[in-house]
N, C-alpha and C. Protein backbone atom coordinates (compact mmCIF):
# COMPACT_ATOMS: atom_id res chain seq x y z
N MET A 1 8.60 -32.23 26.53
CA MET A 1 9.59 -33.03 25.88
C MET A 1 9.14 -33.26 24.43
N TYR A 2 10.04 -33.12 23.51
CA TYR A 2 9.72 -33.23 22.11
C TYR A 2 10.16 -34.59 21.56
N ASP A 3 9.41 -35.09 20.60
CA ASP A 3 9.85 -36.30 19.89
C ASP A 3 10.29 -35.91 18.49
N ILE A 4 10.86 -36.83 17.78
CA ILE A 4 11.45 -36.53 16.48
C ILE A 4 10.40 -36.05 15.47
N LEU A 5 9.19 -36.58 15.55
CA LEU A 5 8.13 -36.16 14.62
C LEU A 5 7.75 -34.71 14.87
N ASP A 6 7.61 -34.33 16.16
CA ASP A 6 7.28 -32.94 16.49
C ASP A 6 8.37 -32.00 15.99
N LEU A 7 9.59 -32.36 16.22
CA LEU A 7 10.72 -31.50 15.83
C LEU A 7 10.85 -31.39 14.33
N ASN A 8 10.64 -32.46 13.61
CA ASN A 8 10.75 -32.41 12.16
C ASN A 8 9.67 -31.54 11.53
N ASN A 9 8.55 -31.36 12.21
CA ASN A 9 7.46 -30.51 11.70
C ASN A 9 7.64 -29.04 12.00
N LYS A 10 8.63 -28.73 12.81
CA LYS A 10 8.87 -27.31 13.19
C LYS A 10 9.81 -26.64 12.19
N LYS A 11 9.70 -25.32 12.14
CA LYS A 11 10.58 -24.52 11.30
C LYS A 11 11.92 -24.36 12.01
N VAL A 12 12.94 -24.03 11.24
CA VAL A 12 14.29 -23.89 11.80
C VAL A 12 14.32 -22.84 12.91
N ALA A 13 13.59 -21.75 12.73
CA ALA A 13 13.56 -20.69 13.74
C ALA A 13 12.99 -21.23 15.07
N GLU A 14 11.96 -22.05 14.97
CA GLU A 14 11.36 -22.65 16.18
C GLU A 14 12.36 -23.59 16.85
N LEU A 15 13.07 -24.36 16.03
CA LEU A 15 14.06 -25.28 16.58
C LEU A 15 15.19 -24.53 17.28
N ARG A 16 15.56 -23.39 16.73
CA ARG A 16 16.62 -22.58 17.36
C ARG A 16 16.16 -22.04 18.71
N GLU A 17 14.89 -21.65 18.80
CA GLU A 17 14.35 -21.18 20.08
C GLU A 17 14.37 -22.31 21.11
N ILE A 18 13.99 -23.48 20.68
CA ILE A 18 14.03 -24.66 21.60
C ILE A 18 15.46 -24.93 22.03
N ALA A 19 16.37 -24.87 21.07
CA ALA A 19 17.78 -25.10 21.37
C ALA A 19 18.31 -24.09 22.37
N ASP A 20 17.87 -22.82 22.23
CA ASP A 20 18.28 -21.80 23.19
C ASP A 20 17.77 -22.11 24.60
N THR A 21 16.52 -22.58 24.69
CA THR A 21 15.98 -22.87 26.01
C THR A 21 16.68 -24.09 26.66
N LEU A 22 17.25 -24.95 25.81
CA LEU A 22 17.97 -26.12 26.33
C LEU A 22 19.47 -25.85 26.48
N SER A 23 19.87 -24.61 26.24
CA SER A 23 21.29 -24.18 26.36
C SER A 23 22.20 -24.92 25.39
N ILE A 24 21.71 -25.18 24.19
CA ILE A 24 22.56 -25.79 23.14
C ILE A 24 23.38 -24.69 22.51
N SER A 25 24.69 -24.89 22.47
CA SER A 25 25.55 -23.82 21.97
C SER A 25 25.52 -23.70 20.45
N LYS A 26 25.51 -22.48 19.99
CA LYS A 26 25.58 -22.11 18.57
C LYS A 26 24.53 -22.79 17.69
N PRO A 27 23.25 -22.73 18.05
CA PRO A 27 22.23 -23.36 17.25
C PRO A 27 22.07 -22.73 15.86
N GLU A 28 22.48 -21.48 15.76
CA GLU A 28 22.36 -20.76 14.46
C GLU A 28 23.30 -21.35 13.40
N LYS A 29 24.30 -22.09 13.82
CA LYS A 29 25.26 -22.68 12.86
C LYS A 29 24.86 -24.08 12.43
N LEU A 30 23.80 -24.63 13.02
CA LEU A 30 23.41 -26.01 12.73
C LEU A 30 22.32 -26.06 11.67
N LYS A 31 22.35 -27.10 10.87
CA LYS A 31 21.28 -27.34 9.88
C LYS A 31 20.09 -27.92 10.62
N LYS A 32 18.93 -27.92 9.97
CA LYS A 32 17.70 -28.33 10.61
C LYS A 32 17.83 -29.74 11.23
N GLN A 33 18.28 -30.70 10.48
CA GLN A 33 18.35 -32.08 11.00
C GLN A 33 19.34 -32.19 12.14
N ASP A 34 20.44 -31.44 12.07
CA ASP A 34 21.40 -31.44 13.17
C ASP A 34 20.79 -30.83 14.42
N LEU A 35 19.97 -29.80 14.25
CA LEU A 35 19.28 -29.18 15.38
C LEU A 35 18.34 -30.19 16.04
N VAL A 36 17.60 -30.92 15.21
CA VAL A 36 16.67 -31.90 15.70
C VAL A 36 17.40 -32.93 16.57
N TYR A 37 18.50 -33.45 16.08
CA TYR A 37 19.24 -34.47 16.83
C TYR A 37 19.91 -33.90 18.09
N LYS A 38 20.36 -32.66 18.00
CA LYS A 38 20.96 -32.03 19.19
C LYS A 38 19.91 -31.88 20.29
N ILE A 39 18.72 -31.46 19.89
CA ILE A 39 17.62 -31.29 20.85
C ILE A 39 17.27 -32.62 21.48
N LEU A 40 17.14 -33.64 20.67
CA LEU A 40 16.82 -34.98 21.18
C LEU A 40 17.91 -35.47 22.11
N ASP A 41 19.17 -35.27 21.74
CA ASP A 41 20.29 -35.67 22.59
C ASP A 41 20.25 -34.94 23.94
N GLU A 42 20.00 -33.65 23.88
CA GLU A 42 19.97 -32.86 25.11
C GLU A 42 18.84 -33.31 26.02
N GLN A 43 17.69 -33.60 25.44
CA GLN A 43 16.57 -34.09 26.23
C GLN A 43 16.88 -35.44 26.87
N ALA A 44 17.59 -36.29 26.14
CA ALA A 44 17.94 -37.59 26.66
C ALA A 44 18.92 -37.50 27.82
N LEU A 45 19.85 -36.57 27.71
CA LEU A 45 20.87 -36.39 28.74
C LEU A 45 20.33 -35.68 29.97
N ASN A 46 19.35 -34.80 29.77
CA ASN A 46 18.79 -34.00 30.86
C ASN A 46 17.26 -34.03 30.82
N PRO A 47 16.67 -35.16 31.18
CA PRO A 47 15.19 -35.24 31.13
C PRO A 47 14.57 -34.30 32.15
N PRO A 48 13.39 -33.78 31.82
CA PRO A 48 12.74 -32.86 32.77
C PRO A 48 12.37 -33.60 34.05
N LYS A 49 12.63 -32.98 35.20
CA LYS A 49 12.42 -33.63 36.48
C LYS A 49 10.94 -33.74 36.83
N LYS A 50 10.13 -32.81 36.40
CA LYS A 50 8.70 -32.86 36.73
C LYS A 50 8.06 -34.09 36.16
N LYS A 51 8.39 -34.44 34.95
CA LYS A 51 7.78 -35.58 34.29
C LYS A 51 8.14 -36.88 35.04
N VAL A 52 9.36 -36.97 35.53
CA VAL A 52 9.76 -38.18 36.26
C VAL A 52 8.91 -38.30 37.52
N ASN A 53 8.71 -37.20 38.23
CA ASN A 53 7.89 -37.21 39.44
C ASN A 53 6.44 -37.59 39.13
N ASN A 54 5.91 -37.06 38.02
CA ASN A 54 4.55 -37.40 37.65
C ASN A 54 4.42 -38.89 37.36
N GLN A 55 5.40 -39.46 36.70
CA GLN A 55 5.37 -40.89 36.39
C GLN A 55 5.40 -41.70 37.67
N ALA A 56 6.18 -41.29 38.64
CA ALA A 56 6.23 -41.99 39.92
C ALA A 56 4.89 -41.91 40.63
N GLU A 57 4.25 -40.75 40.58
CA GLU A 57 2.94 -40.59 41.19
C GLU A 57 1.91 -41.44 40.49
N GLU A 58 1.99 -41.49 39.16
CA GLU A 58 1.04 -42.30 38.40
C GLU A 58 1.21 -43.78 38.75
N LYS A 59 2.45 -44.24 38.91
CA LYS A 59 2.70 -45.64 39.27
C LYS A 59 2.09 -45.93 40.64
N LYS A 60 2.25 -44.99 41.55
CA LYS A 60 1.73 -45.18 42.90
C LYS A 60 0.21 -45.27 42.86
N THR A 61 -0.42 -44.41 42.07
CA THR A 61 -1.87 -44.43 41.97
C THR A 61 -2.35 -45.74 41.36
N VAL A 62 -1.69 -46.21 40.32
CA VAL A 62 -2.06 -47.48 39.71
C VAL A 62 -1.90 -48.60 40.70
N THR A 63 -0.82 -48.60 41.44
CA THR A 63 -0.56 -49.64 42.44
C THR A 63 -1.66 -49.63 43.50
N GLU A 64 -2.01 -48.43 43.96
CA GLU A 64 -3.05 -48.32 44.99
C GLU A 64 -4.40 -48.82 44.43
N THR A 65 -4.69 -48.49 43.19
CA THR A 65 -5.93 -48.92 42.57
C THR A 65 -5.99 -50.45 42.47
N VAL A 66 -4.85 -51.03 42.07
CA VAL A 66 -4.80 -52.49 41.95
C VAL A 66 -4.99 -53.13 43.31
N LYS A 67 -4.36 -52.57 44.33
CA LYS A 67 -4.51 -53.12 45.69
C LYS A 67 -5.96 -53.03 46.16
N GLU A 68 -6.60 -51.89 45.88
CA GLU A 68 -8.00 -51.71 46.28
C GLU A 68 -8.90 -52.70 45.57
N SER A 69 -8.70 -52.87 44.26
CA SER A 69 -9.58 -53.78 43.52
C SER A 69 -9.32 -55.22 43.93
N THR A 70 -8.10 -55.55 44.29
CA THR A 70 -7.78 -56.90 44.76
C THR A 70 -8.43 -57.13 46.13
N THR A 71 -8.36 -56.13 46.99
CA THR A 71 -8.97 -56.22 48.31
C THR A 71 -10.51 -56.38 48.18
N ASN A 72 -11.10 -55.60 47.31
CA ASN A 72 -12.56 -55.68 47.13
C ASN A 72 -12.97 -57.05 46.57
N THR A 73 -12.17 -57.60 45.70
CA THR A 73 -12.48 -58.89 45.11
C THR A 73 -12.43 -60.00 46.17
N SER A 74 -11.41 -59.95 47.01
CA SER A 74 -11.26 -61.00 48.02
C SER A 74 -12.32 -60.88 49.11
N ASP A 75 -12.84 -59.69 49.36
CA ASP A 75 -13.88 -59.51 50.36
C ASP A 75 -15.20 -60.14 49.93
N LYS A 76 -15.47 -60.19 48.62
CA LYS A 76 -16.74 -60.71 48.12
C LYS A 76 -16.81 -62.23 48.25
N GLY A 77 -15.67 -62.90 48.18
CA GLY A 77 -15.63 -64.34 48.15
C GLY A 77 -15.94 -64.97 49.43
């Protein structure tokens, strides 16, 4: 997933390649800044599913860690 700073640092040709992978129509007709915003819009509307799953797993791991540390703390008392 790209952020606005990453996209602004890319060349127009690179932005067009990204737009193609995101199925943005007619990227060759868009100016650089328009491409950047189209890419950001497309990412917002269709976030990658893998990242969502990873975040859910990370939350679970953090929750388990908190439970373990809480359990260990109460056992000492």
